[in-house]
Amino acid sequence: MADKFTTENFQTTVLDSDKPVLVDFWAEWCGPCRMVGPIVDELATEYDGKAVIGKLNVDENPAIAETYGIRSIPTMLVFKGGEIVDKIVGAVPKTTISGKIDAQMA
């Protein structure tokens, strides 16, 4: 199951992580987000211990979404060393998402 990122834990779980981090920006009412959600959960299990995979609800944490200029959802940002290293916008296949994570594992 994917981690739940919030305004309170974003610094420690995302920005301070020593592993690559995928943040899925989503909302309950977003149809494409509901399509991507199960994929993000699968990836969280597959990358357990190797990368941090989680979701951030933009309705519950608007300040984080605003900080990163999230204008449409789903948007996924890949962080490494506290910096954004990749971005995915829209519902995409699992292989696209895992490829972006794999690129940061080296």
Protein backbone atom coordinates (compact mmCIF):
# COMPACT_ATOMS: atom_id res chain seq x y z
CA MET A 1 0.00 0.00 0.00
CA ALA A 2 1.26 3.45 -0.89
CA ASP A 3 2.32 5.87 1.84
CA LYS A 4 0.04 8.80 2.62
CA PHE A 5 1.90 12.08 2.27
CA THR A 6 0.60 15.17 4.06
CA THR A 7 1.72 18.71 4.76
CA GLU A 8 2.93 17.46 8.16
CA ASN A 9 5.14 14.60 6.90
CA PHE A 10 6.21 15.85 3.45
CA GLN A 11 9.59 17.21 4.58
CA THR A 12 10.67 14.05 6.40
CA THR A 13 9.17 11.39 4.10
CA VAL A 14 9.78 13.02 0.71
CA LEU A 15 12.39 15.77 0.81
CA ASP A 16 14.68 14.16 3.42
CA SER A 17 14.44 10.62 1.98
CA ASP A 18 17.68 8.88 1.02
CA LYS A 19 15.75 6.87 -1.61
CA PRO A 20 13.93 8.01 -4.76
CA VAL A 21 10.36 9.11 -3.98
CA LEU A 22 7.26 9.04 -6.22
CA VAL A 23 4.49 11.40 -5.12
CA ASP A 24 1.08 10.86 -6.73
CA PHE A 25 -0.95 14.09 -6.47
CA TRP A 26 -4.62 13.05 -6.58
CA ALA A 27 -8.17 13.75 -5.35
CA GLU A 28 -11.20 11.58 -4.55
CA TRP A 29 -13.33 13.13 -7.31
CA CYS A 30 -10.73 12.60 -10.07
CA GLY A 31 -11.60 9.69 -12.39
CA PRO A 32 -8.13 9.28 -13.94
CA CYS A 33 -6.66 9.41 -10.40
CA ARG A 34 -8.79 6.42 -9.46
CA MET A 35 -7.40 4.57 -12.48
CA VAL A 36 -3.80 5.27 -11.45
CA GLY A 37 -4.32 4.63 -7.72
CA PRO A 38 -4.14 0.81 -7.83
CA ILE A 39 -0.99 1.02 -9.98
CA VAL A 40 0.66 3.29 -7.40
CA ASP A 41 -0.29 0.81 -4.66
CA GLU A 42 1.25 -2.07 -6.67
CA LEU A 43 4.45 -0.09 -7.23
CA ALA A 44 4.66 0.69 -3.50
CA THR A 45 4.75 -3.04 -2.81
CA GLU A 46 7.19 -3.82 -5.62
CA TYR A 47 9.64 -1.06 -4.66
CA ASP A 48 9.37 -1.60 -0.89
CA GLY A 49 12.79 -0.89 0.63
CA LYS A 50 14.16 0.50 -2.65
CA ALA A 51 12.01 3.61 -3.21
CA VAL A 52 9.29 5.50 -1.37
CA ILE A 53 5.93 5.51 -3.17
CA GLY A 54 2.98 7.51 -1.91
CA LYS A 55 -0.03 9.68 -2.56
CA LEU A 56 -0.85 13.24 -1.61
CA ASN A 57 -4.50 14.32 -1.64
CA VAL A 58 -4.53 17.83 -3.15
CA ASP A 59 -7.85 18.73 -1.49
CA GLU A 60 -6.48 17.89 1.97
CA ASN A 61 -2.99 19.37 1.36
CA PRO A 62 -3.43 22.34 -1.01
CA ALA A 63 -0.26 24.14 0.13
CA ILE A 64 2.02 21.33 -1.09
CA ALA A 65 0.20 21.10 -4.43
CA GLU A 66 0.52 24.87 -4.83
CA THR A 67 4.22 24.83 -3.92
CA TYR A 68 4.92 22.41 -6.75
CA GLY A 69 2.61 24.08 -9.27
CA ILE A 70 0.22 21.16 -9.60
CA ARG A 71 -2.46 22.37 -12.02
CA SER A 72 -3.94 19.07 -13.21
CA ILE A 73 -4.24 15.66 -11.61
CA PRO A 74 -3.10 13.00 -11.58
CA THR A 75 0.41 14.41 -11.60
CA MET A 76 3.30 12.35 -10.28
CA LEU A 77 6.59 13.90 -9.27
CA VAL A 78 9.75 11.89 -8.77
CA PHE A 79 12.09 13.29 -6.13
CA LYS A 80 15.71 12.38 -5.45
CA GLY A 81 17.77 14.13 -2.82
CA GLY A 82 14.90 16.49 -2.12
CA GLU A 83 14.78 17.73 -5.73
CA ILE A 84 12.25 17.04 -8.50
CA VAL A 85 13.98 14.88 -11.09
CA ASP A 86 11.00 13.80 -13.20
CA LYS A 87 7.30 14.50 -13.76
CA ILE A 88 4.39 12.50 -15.15
CA VAL A 89 1.04 14.15 -15.95
CA GLY A 90 -2.10 12.15 -16.57
CA ALA A 91 -3.06 8.50 -16.39
CA VAL A 92 -0.18 6.50 -17.85
CA PRO A 93 0.72 2.78 -17.98
CA LYS A 94 2.51 1.15 -15.07
CA THR A 95 5.63 0.63 -17.21
CA THR A 96 5.91 4.39 -17.76
CA ILE A 97 5.83 5.07 -14.03
CA SER A 98 8.21 2.25 -13.09
CA GLY A 99 10.62 3.39 -15.83
CA LYS A 100 10.81 6.85 -14.26
CA ILE A 101 11.51 5.31 -10.82
CA ASP A 102 14.08 2.86 -12.22
CA ALA A 103 15.95 5.73 -13.89
CA GLN A 104 16.62 7.18 -10.41
CA MET A 105 17.77 3.93 -8.81
CA ALA A 106 21.30 4.01 -10.24
